[in-house]
Amino acid sequence: MAVSFTTAATLVNEMMEARDERRLLRLQKQLASVKLLIIDELGFVPLSKTGAELLFELISQRYERGSTMITSNLPFDEWTETFGTERLTGALLDRLTHHVNILEMNGDSYRLGQSRARKAEAST
């Protein structure tokens, strides 16, 4: 598969279920082979200790082998709240930021803008 898109919460839940069903290695191998893995909404839902460790392991497996895109509404210094420990967060950020292009986008929400435009059209 060339590209895979998922939310962070869904990905972690899938990996935890796969671990419980003894198919985690197969899922990790599949995810490690994707050319571009897009993980959306990192930081919206705090991860359990096990979930954070599984996500770290996946990103470590993909390090310098495949491209990973992560979207988050949190600055890096707040990722510890999601991953639970500074040590794990630091190791994860070390891998993610080694060969990286960071796009920081500040501004109004695209969805909010569309919603306002629809309301304005409806009222005319």
PDB file of N, CA and C in Angstrom:
ATOM      1  N   MET A   1       0.846  -1.173   0.000  1.00  0.00           N
ATOM      2  CA  MET A   1       0.000   0.000   0.000  1.00  0.00           C
ATOM      3  C   MET A   1       0.895   1.241   0.000  1.00  0.00           C
ATOM      4  N   ALA A   2       0.504   2.233  -0.768  1.00  0.00           N
ATOM      5  CA  ALA A   2       1.316   3.439  -0.876  1.00  0.00           C
ATOM      6  C   ALA A   2       1.044   4.427   0.259  1.00  0.00           C
ATOM      7  N   VAL A   3      -0.252   4.654   0.586  1.00  0.00           N
ATOM      8  CA  VAL A   3      -0.613   5.646   1.586  1.00  0.00           C
ATOM      9  C   VAL A   3      -1.678   5.068   2.514  1.00  0.00           C
ATOM     10  N   SER A   4      -1.532   5.352   3.787  1.00  0.00           N
ATOM     11  CA  SER A   4      -2.546   4.956   4.765  1.00  0.00           C
ATOM     12  C   SER A   4      -2.850   6.162   5.639  1.00  0.00           C
ATOM     13  N   PHE A   5      -4.133   6.441   5.852  1.00  0.00           N
ATOM     14  CA  PHE A   5      -4.583   7.573   6.652  1.00  0.00           C
ATOM     15  C   PHE A   5      -5.402   7.046   7.822  1.00  0.00           C
ATOM     16  N   THR A   6      -5.100   7.522   9.029  1.00  0.00           N
ATOM     17  CA  THR A   6      -5.851   7.117  10.210  1.00  0.00           C
ATOM     18  C   THR A   6      -5.698   8.192  11.280  1.00  0.00           C
ATOM     19  N   THR A   7      -6.576   8.157  12.252  1.00  0.00           N
ATOM     20  CA  THR A   7      -6.386   9.037  13.402  1.00  0.00           C
ATOM     21  C   THR A   7      -5.472   8.333  14.400  1.00  0.00           C
ATOM     22  N   ALA A   8      -4.844   9.113  15.260  1.00  0.00           N
ATOM     23  CA  ALA A   8      -3.956   8.534  16.272  1.00  0.00           C
ATOM     24  C   ALA A   8      -4.731   7.588  17.183  1.00  0.00           C
ATOM     25  N   ALA A   9      -5.923   7.994  17.606  1.00  0.00           N
ATOM     26  CA  ALA A   9      -6.718   7.157  18.508  1.00  0.00           C
ATOM     27  C   ALA A   9      -7.099   5.838  17.842  1.00  0.00           C
ATOM     28  N   THR A  10      -7.519   5.885  16.579  1.00  0.00           N
ATOM     29  CA  THR A  10      -7.892   4.675  15.864  1.00  0.00           C
ATOM     30  C   THR A  10      -6.689   3.756  15.689  1.00  0.00           C
ATOM     31  N   LEU A  11      -5.561   4.333  15.316  1.00  0.00           N
ATOM     32  CA  LEU A  11      -4.344   3.542  15.120  1.00  0.00           C
ATOM     33  C   LEU A  11      -3.937   2.836  16.404  1.00  0.00           C
ATOM     34  N   VAL A  12      -3.928   3.553  17.502  1.00  0.00           N
ATOM     35  CA  VAL A  12      -3.552   2.957  18.786  1.00  0.00           C
ATOM     36  C   VAL A  12      -4.545   1.868  19.179  1.00  0.00           C
ATOM     37  N   ASN A  13      -5.837   2.127  18.995  1.00  0.00           N
ATOM     38  CA  ASN A  13      -6.841   1.104  19.308  1.00  0.00           C
ATOM     39  C   ASN A  13      -6.648  -0.148  18.458  1.00  0.00           C
ATOM     40  N   GLU A  14      -6.354   0.039  17.158  1.00  0.00           N
ATOM     41  CA  GLU A  14      -6.120  -1.112  16.281  1.00  0.00           C
ATOM     42  C   GLU A  14      -4.900  -1.911  16.741  1.00  0.00           C
ATOM     43  N   MET A  15      -3.838  -1.209  17.132  1.00  0.00           N
ATOM     44  CA  MET A  15      -2.634  -1.908  17.583  1.00  0.00           C
ATOM     45  C   MET A  15      -2.877  -2.639  18.906  1.00  0.00           C
ATOM     46  N   MET A  16      -3.653  -2.041  19.800  1.00  0.00           N
ATOM     47  CA  MET A  16      -3.942  -2.706  21.066  1.00  0.00           C
ATOM     48  C   MET A  16      -4.817  -3.946  20.850  1.00  0.00           C
ATOM     49  N   GLU A  17      -5.801  -3.837  19.963  1.00  0.00           N
ATOM     50  CA  GLU A  17      -6.624  -5.005  19.636  1.00  0.00           C
ATOM     51  C   GLU A  17      -5.783  -6.095  18.984  1.00  0.00           C
ATOM     52  N   ALA A  18      -4.898  -5.705  18.077  1.00  0.00           N
ATOM     53  CA  ALA A  18      -4.030  -6.675  17.404  1.00  0.00           C
ATOM     54  C   ALA A  18      -3.119  -7.361  18.425  1.00  0.00           C
ATOM     55  N   ARG A  19      -2.626  -6.590  19.392  1.00  0.00           N
ATOM     56  CA  ARG A  19      -1.782  -7.187  20.437  1.00  0.00           C
ATOM     57  C   ARG A  19      -2.573  -8.218  21.229  1.00  0.00           C
ATOM     58  N   ASP A  20      -3.800  -7.880  21.602  1.00  0.00           N
ATOM     59  CA  ASP A  20      -4.645  -8.791  22.375  1.00  0.00           C
ATOM     60  C   ASP A  20      -4.992 -10.053  21.584  1.00  0.00           C
ATOM     61  N   GLU A  21      -5.076  -9.916  20.259  1.00  0.00           N
ATOM     62  CA  GLU A  21      -5.422 -11.050  19.389  1.00  0.00           C
ATOM     63  C   GLU A  21      -4.192 -11.744  18.813  1.00  0.00           C
ATOM     64  N   ARG A  22      -3.024 -11.376  19.304  1.00  0.00           N
ATOM     65  CA  ARG A  22      -1.744 -11.976  18.897  1.00  0.00           C
ATOM     66  C   ARG A  22      -1.462 -11.831  17.398  1.00  0.00           C
ATOM     67  N   ARG A  23      -1.816 -10.659  16.859  1.00  0.00           N
ATOM     68  CA  ARG A  23      -1.513 -10.374  15.456  1.00  0.00           C
ATOM     69  C   ARG A  23      -0.814  -9.020  15.307  1.00  0.00           C
ATOM     70  N   LEU A  24      -0.219  -8.542  16.392  1.00  0.00           N
ATOM     71  CA  LEU A  24       0.436  -7.234  16.392  1.00  0.00           C
ATOM     72  C   LEU A  24       1.619  -7.195  15.444  1.00  0.00           C
ATOM     73  N   LEU A  25       2.445  -8.222  15.441  1.00  0.00           N
ATOM     74  CA  LEU A  25       3.617  -8.229  14.558  1.00  0.00           C
ATOM     75  C   LEU A  25       3.211  -8.102  13.096  1.00  0.00           C
ATOM     76  N   ARG A  26       2.152  -8.765  12.707  1.00  0.00           N
ATOM     77  CA  ARG A  26       1.661  -8.691  11.326  1.00  0.00           C
ATOM     78  C   ARG A  26       1.185  -7.281  10.995  1.00  0.00           C
ATOM     79  N   LEU A  27       0.440  -6.654  11.921  1.00  0.00           N
ATOM     80  CA  LEU A  27      -0.038  -5.286  11.705  1.00  0.00           C
ATOM     81  C   LEU A  27       1.126  -4.311  11.653  1.00  0.00           C
ATOM     82  N   GLN A  28       2.092  -4.459  12.562  1.00  0.00           N
ATOM     83  CA  GLN A  28       3.257  -3.576  12.565  1.00  0.00           C
ATOM     84  C   GLN A  28       4.029  -3.707  11.255  1.00  0.00           C
ATOM     85  N   LYS A  29       4.181  -4.912  10.784  1.00  0.00           N
ATOM     86  CA  LYS A  29       4.897  -5.140   9.517  1.00  0.00           C
ATOM     87  C   LYS A  29       4.149  -4.463   8.368  1.00  0.00           C
ATOM     88  N   GLN A  30       2.841  -4.587   8.359  1.00  0.00           N
ATOM     89  CA  GLN A  30       2.012  -3.961   7.326  1.00  0.00           C
ATOM     90  C   GLN A  30       2.150  -2.444   7.384  1.00  0.00           C
ATOM     91  N   LEU A  31       2.049  -1.865   8.573  1.00  0.00           N
ATOM     92  CA  LEU A  31       2.146  -0.414   8.727  1.00  0.00           C
ATOM     93  C   LEU A  31       3.551   0.097   8.441  1.00  0.00           C
ATOM     94  N   ALA A  32       4.557  -0.706   8.750  1.00  0.00           N
ATOM     95  CA  ALA A  32       5.942  -0.297   8.491  1.00  0.00           C
ATOM     96  C   ALA A  32       6.242  -0.258   7.000  1.00  0.00           C
ATOM     97  N   SER A  33       5.490  -1.023   6.213  1.00  0.00           N
ATOM     98  CA  SER A  33       5.760  -1.087   4.770  1.00  0.00           C
ATOM     99  C   SER A  33       5.028  -0.024   3.958  1.00  0.00           C
ATOM    100  N   VAL A  34       4.112   0.697   4.583  1.00  0.00           N
ATOM    101  CA  VAL A  34       3.379   1.764   3.884  1.00  0.00           C
ATOM    102  C   VAL A  34       4.361   2.886   3.543  1.00  0.00           C
ATOM    103  N   LYS A  35       4.297   3.377   2.314  1.00  0.00           N
ATOM    104  CA  LYS A  35       5.224   4.444   1.910  1.00  0.00           C
ATOM    105  C   LYS A  35       4.973   5.747   2.659  1.00  0.00           C
ATOM    106  N   LEU A  36       3.695   6.092   2.858  1.00  0.00           N
ATOM    107  CA  LEU A  36       3.335   7.298   3.603  1.00  0.00           C
ATOM    108  C   LEU A  36       2.226   6.942   4.584  1.00  0.00           C
ATOM    109  N   LEU A  37       2.515   7.108   5.862  1.00  0.00           N
ATOM    110  CA  LEU A  37       1.523   6.892   6.912  1.00  0.00           C
ATOM    111  C   LEU A  37       1.132   8.263   7.457  1.00  0.00           C
ATOM    112  N   ILE A  38      -0.153   8.589   7.345  1.00  0.00           N
ATOM    113  CA  ILE A  38      -0.664   9.861   7.843  1.00  0.00           C
ATOM    114  C   ILE A  38      -1.436   9.582   9.127  1.00  0.00           C
ATOM    115  N   ILE A  39      -0.970  10.181  10.214  1.00  0.00           N
ATOM    116  CA  ILE A  39      -1.607  10.020  11.518  1.00  0.00           C
ATOM    117  C   ILE A  39      -2.212  11.367  11.888  1.00  0.00           C
ATOM    118  N   ASP A  40      -3.515  11.419  11.913  1.00  0.00           N
ATOM    119  CA  ASP A  40      -4.253  12.655  12.135  1.00  0.00           C
ATOM    120  C   ASP A  40      -4.672  12.774  13.603  1.00  0.00           C
ATOM    121  N   GLU A  41      -4.814  14.000  14.065  1.00  0.00           N
ATOM    122  CA  GLU A  41      -5.403  14.317  15.365  1.00  0.00           C
ATOM    123  C   GLU A  41      -4.592  13.817  16.552  1.00  0.00           C
ATOM    124  N   LEU A  42      -3.270  13.813  16.462  1.00  0.00           N
ATOM    125  CA  LEU A  42      -2.459  13.427  17.610  1.00  0.00           C
ATOM    126  C   LEU A  42      -2.619  14.478  18.699  1.00  0.00           C
ATOM    127  N   GLY A  43      -2.941  14.045  19.885  1.00  0.00           N
ATOM    128  CA  GLY A  43      -3.090  14.962  21.003  1.00  0.00           C
ATOM    129  C   GLY A  43      -4.522  15.277  21.368  1.00  0.00           C
ATOM    130  N   PHE A  44      -5.480  14.904  20.540  1.00  0.00           N
ATOM    131  CA  PHE A  44      -6.875  15.154  20.880  1.00  0.00           C
ATOM    132  C   PHE A  44      -7.320  14.228  22.007  1.00  0.00           C
ATOM    133  N   VAL A  45      -6.779  13.002  21.997  1.00  0.00           N
ATOM    134  CA  VAL A  45      -7.123  12.006  23.005  1.00  0.00           C
ATOM    135  C   VAL A  45      -5.831  11.542  23.662  1.00  0.00           C
ATOM    136  N   PRO A  46      -5.712  11.685  24.994  1.00  0.00           N
ATOM    137  CA  PRO A  46      -4.501  11.184  25.650  1.00  0.00           C
ATOM    138  C   PRO A  46      -4.378   9.674  25.446  1.00  0.00           C
ATOM    139  N   LEU A  47      -3.167   9.206  25.303  1.00  0.00           N
ATOM    140  CA  LEU A  47      -2.930   7.783  25.071  1.00  0.00           C
ATOM    141  C   LEU A  47      -2.624   7.075  26.377  1.00  0.00           C
ATOM    142  N   SER A  48      -3.039   5.832  26.467  1.00  0.00           N
ATOM    143  CA  SER A  48      -2.646   5.025  27.623  1.00  0.00           C
ATOM    144  C   SER A  48      -1.140   4.773  27.529  1.00  0.00           C
ATOM    145  N   LYS A  49      -0.545   4.319  28.599  1.00  0.00           N
ATOM    146  CA  LYS A  49       0.884   4.014  28.600  1.00  0.00           C
ATOM    147  C   LYS A  49       1.198   2.986  27.516  1.00  0.00           C
ATOM    148  N   THR A  50       0.388   1.950  27.439  1.00  0.00           N
ATOM    149  CA  THR A  50       0.599   0.911  26.426  1.00  0.00           C
ATOM    150  C   THR A  50       0.403   1.468  25.023  1.00  0.00           C
ATOM    151  N   GLY A  51      -0.628   2.275  24.842  1.00  0.00           N
ATOM    152  CA  GLY A  51      -0.888   2.872  23.538  1.00  0.00           C
ATOM    153  C   GLY A  51       0.249   3.771  23.081  1.00  0.00           C
ATOM    154  N   ALA A  52       0.763   4.579  24.006  1.00  0.00           N
ATOM    155  CA  ALA A  52       1.889   5.464  23.682  1.00  0.00           C
ATOM    156  C   ALA A  52       3.116   4.646  23.303  1.00  0.00           C
ATOM    157  N   GLU A  53       3.371   3.567  24.025  1.00  0.00           N
ATOM    158  CA  GLU A  53       4.521   2.716  23.720  1.00  0.00           C
ATOM    159  C   GLU A  53       4.374   2.037  22.366  1.00  0.00           C
ATOM    160  N   LEU A  54       3.165   1.600  22.033  1.00  0.00           N
ATOM    161  CA  LEU A  54       2.929   0.967  20.730  1.00  0.00           C
ATOM    162  C   LEU A  54       3.119   1.961  19.592  1.00  0.00           C
ATOM    163  N   LEU A  55       2.631   3.182  19.774  1.00  0.00           N
ATOM    164  CA  LEU A  55       2.806   4.201  18.741  1.00  0.00           C
ATOM    165  C   LEU A  55       4.281   4.551  18.577  1.00  0.00           C
ATOM    166  N   PHE A  56       4.994   4.676  19.684  1.00  0.00           N
ATOM    167  CA  PHE A  56       6.426   4.930  19.624  1.00  0.00           C
ATOM    168  C   PHE A  56       7.144   3.809  18.868  1.00  0.00           C
ATOM    169  N   GLU A  57       6.786   2.581  19.176  1.00  0.00           N
ATOM    170  CA  GLU A  57       7.426   1.434  18.518  1.00  0.00           C
ATOM    171  C   GLU A  57       7.181   1.473  17.011  1.00  0.00           C
ATOM    172  N   LEU A  58       5.972   1.800  16.598  1.00  0.00           N
ATOM    173  CA  LEU A  58       5.662   1.887  15.172  1.00  0.00           C
ATOM    174  C   LEU A  58       6.480   2.986  14.503  1.00  0.00           C
ATOM    175  N   ILE A  59       6.534   4.147  15.116  1.00  0.00           N
ATOM    176  CA  ILE A  59       7.295   5.253  14.535  1.00  0.00           C
ATOM    177  C   ILE A  59       8.774   4.910  14.485  1.00  0.00           C
ATOM    178  N   SER A  60       9.259   4.210  15.490  1.00  0.00           N
ATOM    179  CA  SER A  60      10.657   3.763  15.484  1.00  0.00           C
ATOM    180  C   SER A  60      10.914   2.780  14.345  1.00  0.00           C
ATOM    181  N   GLN A  61       9.970   1.883  14.114  1.00  0.00           N
ATOM    182  CA  GLN A  61      10.113   0.918  13.013  1.00  0.00           C
ATOM    183  C   GLN A  61      10.125   1.613  11.657  1.00  0.00           C
ATOM    184  N   ARG A  62       9.357   2.684  11.540  1.00  0.00           N
ATOM    185  CA  ARG A  62       9.271   3.407  10.273  1.00  0.00           C
ATOM    186  C   ARG A  62      10.412   4.400  10.081  1.00  0.00           C
ATOM    187  N   TYR A  63      11.147   4.705  11.135  1.00  0.00           N
ATOM    188  CA  TYR A  63      12.204   5.707  11.100  1.00  0.00           C
ATOM    189  C   TYR A  63      13.199   5.407   9.987  1.00  0.00           C
ATOM    190  N   GLU A  64      13.363   6.349   9.085  1.00  0.00           N
ATOM    191  CA  GLU A  64      14.240   6.285   7.919  1.00  0.00           C
ATOM    192  C   GLU A  64      13.885   5.156   6.943  1.00  0.00           C
ATOM    193  N   ARG A  65      12.686   4.609   7.066  1.00  0.00           N
ATOM    194  CA  ARG A  65      12.231   3.568   6.129  1.00  0.00           C
ATOM    195  C   ARG A  65      10.996   3.997   5.353  1.00  0.00           C
ATOM    196  N   GLY A  66      10.205   4.877   5.940  1.00  0.00           N
ATOM    197  CA  GLY A  66       8.985   5.330   5.295  1.00  0.00           C
ATOM    198  C   GLY A  66       8.629   6.712   5.804  1.00  0.00           C
ATOM    199  N   SER A  67       7.857   7.433   5.034  1.00  0.00           N
ATOM    200  CA  SER A  67       7.448   8.786   5.424  1.00  0.00           C
ATOM    201  C   SER A  67       6.248   8.716   6.357  1.00  0.00           C
ATOM    202  N   THR A  68       6.268   9.575   7.363  1.00  0.00           N
ATOM    203  CA  THR A  68       5.172   9.652   8.316  1.00  0.00           C
ATOM    204  C   THR A  68       4.770  11.114   8.449  1.00  0.00           C
ATOM    205  N   MET A  69       3.488  11.374   8.293  1.00  0.00           N
ATOM    206  CA  MET A  69       2.946  12.722   8.455  1.00  0.00           C
ATOM    207  C   MET A  69       2.030  12.693   9.669  1.00  0.00           C
ATOM    208  N   ILE A  70       2.234  13.644  10.561  1.00  0.00           N
ATOM    209  CA  ILE A  70       1.419  13.708  11.770  1.00  0.00           C
ATOM    210  C   ILE A  70       0.798  15.093  11.858  1.00  0.00           C
ATOM    211  N   THR A  71      -0.506  15.128  12.124  1.00  0.00           N
ATOM    212  CA  THR A  71      -1.165  16.405  12.371  1.00  0.00           C
ATOM    213  C   THR A  71      -1.530  16.466  13.848  1.00  0.00           C
ATOM    214  N   SER A  72      -1.364  17.647  14.418  1.00  0.00           N
ATOM    215  CA  SER A  72      -1.661  17.848  15.830  1.00  0.00           C
ATOM    216  C   SER A  72      -1.992  19.313  16.045  1.00  0.00           C
ATOM    217  N   ASN A  73      -2.832  19.563  17.017  1.00  0.00           N
ATOM    218  CA  ASN A  73      -3.102  20.948  17.384  1.00  0.00           C
ATOM    219  C   ASN A  73      -2.240  21.375  18.566  1.00  0.00           C
ATOM    220  N   LEU A  74      -1.307  20.511  18.982  1.00  0.00           N
ATOM    221  CA  LEU A  74      -0.446  20.798  20.119  1.00  0.00           C
ATOM    222  C   LEU A  74       0.971  21.134  19.690  1.00  0.00           C
ATOM    223  N   PRO A  75       1.584  22.124  20.336  1.00  0.00           N
ATOM    224  CA  PRO A  75       3.014  22.340  20.095  1.00  0.00           C
ATOM    225  C   PRO A  75       3.800  21.182  20.728  1.00  0.00           C
ATOM    226  N   PHE A  76       5.027  20.967  20.261  1.00  0.00           N
ATOM    227  CA  PHE A  76       5.828  19.849  20.741  1.00  0.00           C
ATOM    228  C   PHE A  76       5.955  19.822  22.257  1.00  0.00           C
ATOM    229  N   ASP A  77       6.075  20.985  22.892  1.00  0.00           N
ATOM    230  CA  ASP A  77       6.283  20.986  24.343  1.00  0.00           C
ATOM    231  C   ASP A  77       5.059  20.511  25.125  1.00  0.00           C
ATOM    232  N   GLU A  78       3.930  20.312  24.446  1.00  0.00           N
ATOM    233  CA  GLU A  78       2.740  19.776  25.109  1.00  0.00           C
ATOM    234  C   GLU A  78       2.486  18.307  24.768  1.00  0.00           C
ATOM    235  N   TRP A  79       3.344  17.700  23.961  1.00  0.00           N
ATOM    236  CA  TRP A  79       3.151  16.296  23.586  1.00  0.00           C
ATOM    237  C   TRP A  79       3.323  15.355  24.769  1.00  0.00           C
ATOM    238  N   THR A  80       4.025  15.782  25.798  1.00  0.00           N
ATOM    239  CA  THR A  80       4.201  14.934  26.974  1.00  0.00           C
ATOM    240  C   THR A  80       2.849  14.596  27.603  1.00  0.00           C
ATOM    241  N   GLU A  81       1.897  15.508  27.501  1.00  0.00           N
ATOM    242  CA  GLU A  81       0.558  15.240  28.032  1.00  0.00           C
ATOM    243  C   GLU A  81      -0.096  14.080  27.303  1.00  0.00           C
ATOM    244  N   THR A  82       0.199  13.913  26.029  1.00  0.00           N
ATOM    245  CA  THR A  82      -0.369  12.828  25.237  1.00  0.00           C
ATOM    246  C   THR A  82       0.376  11.515  25.471  1.00  0.00           C
ATOM    247  N   PHE A  83       1.717  11.585  25.552  1.00  0.00           N
ATOM    248  CA  PHE A  83       2.522  10.372  25.654  1.00  0.00           C
ATOM    249  C   PHE A  83       2.860   9.974  27.085  1.00  0.00           C
ATOM    250  N   GLY A  84       2.592  10.849  28.046  1.00  0.00           N
ATOM    251  CA  GLY A  84       2.723  10.467  29.432  1.00  0.00           C
ATOM    252  C   GLY A  84       4.071  10.709  30.089  1.00  0.00           C
ATOM    253  N   THR A  85       5.173  10.516  29.377  1.00  0.00           N
ATOM    254  CA  THR A  85       6.483  10.731  29.992  1.00  0.00           C
ATOM    255  C   THR A  85       7.366  11.577  29.081  1.00  0.00           C
ATOM    256  N   GLU A  86       8.236  12.352  29.715  1.00  0.00           N
ATOM    257  CA  GLU A  86       9.173  13.169  28.939  1.00  0.00           C
ATOM    258  C   GLU A  86      10.156  12.297  28.174  1.00  0.00           C
ATOM    259  N   ARG A  87      10.545  11.198  28.757  1.00  0.00           N
ATOM    260  CA  ARG A  87      11.523  10.305  28.121  1.00  0.00           C
ATOM    261  C   ARG A  87      10.980   9.738  26.797  1.00  0.00           C
ATOM    262  N   LEU A  88       9.760   9.199  26.847  1.00  0.00           N
ATOM    263  CA  LEU A  88       9.153   8.635  25.646  1.00  0.00           C
ATOM    264  C   LEU A  88       8.886   9.732  24.614  1.00  0.00           C
ATOM    265  N   THR A  89       8.377  10.872  25.062  1.00  0.00           N
ATOM    266  CA  THR A  89       8.099  11.983  24.154  1.00  0.00           C
ATOM    267  C   THR A  89       9.378  12.476  23.498  1.00  0.00           C
ATOM    268  N   GLY A  90      10.435  12.614  24.282  1.00  0.00           N
ATOM    269  CA  GLY A  90      11.717  13.062  23.736  1.00  0.00           C
ATOM    270  C   GLY A  90      12.267  12.110  22.696  1.00  0.00           C
ATOM    271  N   ALA A  91      12.196  10.809  22.973  1.00  0.00           N
ATOM    272  CA  ALA A  91      12.690   9.808  22.021  1.00  0.00           C
ATOM    273  C   ALA A  91      11.858   9.819  20.739  1.00  0.00           C
ATOM    274  N   LEU A  92      10.555   9.979  20.893  1.00  0.00           N
ATOM    275  CA  LEU A  92       9.671  10.029  19.728  1.00  0.00           C
ATOM    276  C   LEU A  92       9.961  11.259  18.879  1.00  0.00           C
ATOM    277  N   LEU A  93      10.063  12.417  19.522  1.00  0.00           N
ATOM    278  CA  LEU A  93      10.342  13.656  18.790  1.00  0.00           C
ATOM    279  C   LEU A  93      11.716  13.619  18.140  1.00  0.00           C
ATOM    280  N   ASP A  94      12.663  12.963  18.770  1.00  0.00           N
ATOM    281  CA  ASP A  94      13.991  12.816  18.190  1.00  0.00           C
ATOM    282  C   ASP A  94      13.908  12.115  16.838  1.00  0.00           C
ATOM    283  N   ARG A  95      13.124  11.063  16.768  1.00  0.00           N
ATOM    284  CA  ARG A  95      12.967  10.321  15.513  1.00  0.00           C
ATOM    285  C   ARG A  95      12.151  11.107  14.488  1.00  0.00           C
ATOM    286  N   LEU A  96      11.082  11.737  14.965  1.00  0.00           N
ATOM    287  CA  LEU A  96      10.200  12.456  14.041  1.00  0.00           C
ATOM    288  C   LEU A  96      10.843  13.708  13.455  1.00  0.00           C
ATOM    289  N   THR A  97      11.683  14.371  14.207  1.00  0.00           N
ATOM    290  CA  THR A  97      12.208  15.653  13.748  1.00  0.00           C
ATOM    291  C   THR A  97      13.588  15.556  13.098  1.00  0.00           C
ATOM    292  N   HIS A  98      14.130  14.349  12.953  1.00  0.00           N
ATOM    293  CA  HIS A  98      15.467  14.201  12.381  1.00  0.00           C
ATOM    294  C   HIS A  98      15.510  14.621  10.911  1.00  0.00           C
ATOM    295  N   HIS A  99      14.671  14.055  10.087  1.00  0.00           N
ATOM    296  CA  HIS A  99      14.564  14.429   8.664  1.00  0.00           C
ATOM    297  C   HIS A  99      13.129  14.910   8.463  1.00  0.00           C
ATOM    298  N   VAL A 100      12.905  16.200   8.656  1.00  0.00           N
ATOM    299  CA  VAL A 100      11.523  16.638   8.724  1.00  0.00           C
ATOM    300  C   VAL A 100      11.321  17.997   8.071  1.00  0.00           C
ATOM    301  N   ASN A 101      10.112  18.203   7.629  1.00  0.00           N
ATOM    302  CA  ASN A 101       9.620  19.524   7.253  1.00  0.00           C
ATOM    303  C   ASN A 101       8.440  19.795   8.174  1.00  0.00           C
ATOM    304  N   ILE A 102       8.531  20.829   8.967  1.00  0.00           N
ATOM    305  CA  ILE A 102       7.453  21.170   9.885  1.00  0.00           C
ATOM    306  C   ILE A 102       6.654  22.303   9.273  1.00  0.00           C
ATOM    307  N   LEU A 103       5.369  22.088   9.157  1.00  0.00           N
ATOM    308  CA  LEU A 103       4.455  23.115   8.658  1.00  0.00           C
ATOM    309  C   LEU A 103       3.583  23.545   9.821  1.00  0.00           C
ATOM    310  N   GLU A 104       3.767  24.760  10.272  1.00  0.00           N
ATOM    311  CA  GLU A 104       2.955  25.278  11.364  1.00  0.00           C
ATOM    312  C   GLU A 104       1.922  26.209  10.757  1.00  0.00           C
ATOM    313  N   MET A 105       0.681  25.868  10.975  1.00  0.00           N
ATOM    314  CA  MET A 105      -0.397  26.656  10.398  1.00  0.00           C
ATOM    315  C   MET A 105      -1.244  27.239  11.515  1.00  0.00           C
ATOM    316  N   ASN A 106      -1.274  28.526  11.556  1.00  0.00           N
ATOM    317  CA  ASN A 106      -2.106  29.222  12.526  1.00  0.00           C
ATOM    318  C   ASN A 106      -3.159  29.991  11.759  1.00  0.00           C
ATOM    319  N   GLY A 107      -4.325  29.983  12.259  1.00  0.00           N
ATOM    320  CA  GLY A 107      -5.394  30.719  11.593  1.00  0.00           C
ATOM    321  C   GLY A 107      -6.733  30.098  11.905  1.00  0.00           C
ATOM    322  N   ASP A 108      -7.735  30.626  11.234  1.00  0.00           N
ATOM    323  CA  ASP A 108      -9.079  30.129  11.452  1.00  0.00           C
ATOM    324  C   ASP A 108      -9.236  28.720  10.905  1.00  0.00           C
ATOM    325  N   SER A 109     -10.104  27.990  11.518  1.00  0.00           N
ATOM    326  CA  SER A 109     -10.415  26.634  11.093  1.00  0.00           C
ATOM    327  C   SER A 109     -11.095  26.668   9.721  1.00  0.00           C
ATOM    328  N   TYR A 110     -10.664  25.782   8.838  1.00  0.00           N
ATOM    329  CA  TYR A 110     -11.274  25.649   7.518  1.00  0.00           C
ATOM    330  C   TYR A 110     -12.748  25.256   7.661  1.00  0.00           C
ATOM    331  N   ARG A 111     -13.027  24.323   8.554  1.00  0.00           N
ATOM    332  CA  ARG A 111     -14.404  23.856   8.747  1.00  0.00           C
ATOM    333  C   ARG A 111     -15.286  24.980   9.299  1.00  0.00           C
ATOM    334  N   LEU A 112     -14.738  25.756  10.232  1.00  0.00           N
ATOM    335  CA  LEU A 112     -15.490  26.864  10.800  1.00  0.00           C
ATOM    336  C   LEU A 112     -15.792  27.902   9.724  1.00  0.00           C
ATOM    337  N   GLY A 113     -14.833  28.180   8.848  1.00  0.00           N
ATOM    338  CA  GLY A 113     -15.047  29.117   7.749  1.00  0.00           C
ATOM    339  C   GLY A 113     -16.142  28.657   6.809  1.00  0.00           C
ATOM    340  N   GLN A 114     -16.136  27.360   6.485  1.00  0.00           N
ATOM    341  CA  GLN A 114     -17.188  26.814   5.617  1.00  0.00           C
ATOM    342  C   GLN A 114     -18.555  26.911   6.278  1.00  0.00           C
ATOM    343  N   SER A 115     -18.596  26.618   7.560  1.00  0.00           N
ATOM    344  CA  SER A 115     -19.860  26.684   8.292  1.00  0.00           C
ATOM    345  C   SER A 115     -20.409  28.106   8.292  1.00  0.00           C
ATOM    346  N   ARG A 116     -19.541  29.077   8.525  1.00  0.00           N
ATOM    347  CA  ARG A 116     -19.975  30.476   8.517  1.00  0.00           C
ATOM    348  C   ARG A 116     -20.460  30.894   7.133  1.00  0.00           C
ATOM    349  N   ALA A 117     -19.768  30.437   6.099  1.00  0.00           N
ATOM    350  CA  ALA A 117     -20.175  30.783   4.729  1.00  0.00           C
ATOM    351  C   ALA A 117     -21.552  30.197   4.413  1.00  0.00           C
ATOM    352  N   ARG A 118     -21.804  28.955   4.849  1.00  0.00           N
ATOM    353  CA  ARG A 118     -23.116  28.341   4.621  1.00  0.00           C
ATOM    354  C   ARG A 118     -24.223  29.107   5.337  1.00  0.00           C
ATOM    355  N   LYS A 119     -23.939  29.519   6.562  1.00  0.00           N
ATOM    356  CA  LYS A 119     -24.940  30.267   7.338  1.00  0.00           C
ATOM    357  C   LYS A 119     -25.221  31.618   6.674  1.00  0.00           C
ATOM    358  N   ALA A 120     -24.167  32.257   6.163  1.00  0.00           N
ATOM    359  CA  ALA A 120     -24.338  33.546   5.493  1.00  0.00           C
ATOM    360  C   ALA A 120     -25.155  33.391   4.227  1.00  0.00           C
ATOM    361  N   GLU A 121     -24.921  32.304   3.471  1.00  0.00           N
ATOM    362  CA  GLU A 121     -25.701  32.048   2.257  1.00  0.00           C
ATOM    363  C   GLU A 121     -27.150  31.742   2.575  1.00  0.00           C
ATOM    364  N   ALA A 122     -27.378  31.007   3.639  1.00  0.00           N
ATOM    365  CA  ALA A 122     -28.733  30.635   4.028  1.00  0.00           C
ATOM    366  C   ALA A 122     -29.550  31.824   4.494  1.00  0.00           C
ATOM    367  N   SER A 123     -28.898  32.800   5.081  1.00  0.00           N
ATOM    368  CA  SER A 123     -29.628  33.960   5.606  1.00  0.00           C
ATOM    369  C   SER A 123     -29.908  35.005   4.516  1.00  0.00           C
ATOM    370  N   THR A 124     -29.329  34.841   3.326  1.00  0.00           N
ATOM    371  CA  THR A 124     -29.591  35.816   2.257  1.00  0.00           C
ATOM    372  C   THR A 124     -30.696  35.359   1.356  1.00  0.00           C
TER     373      THR A 124
END
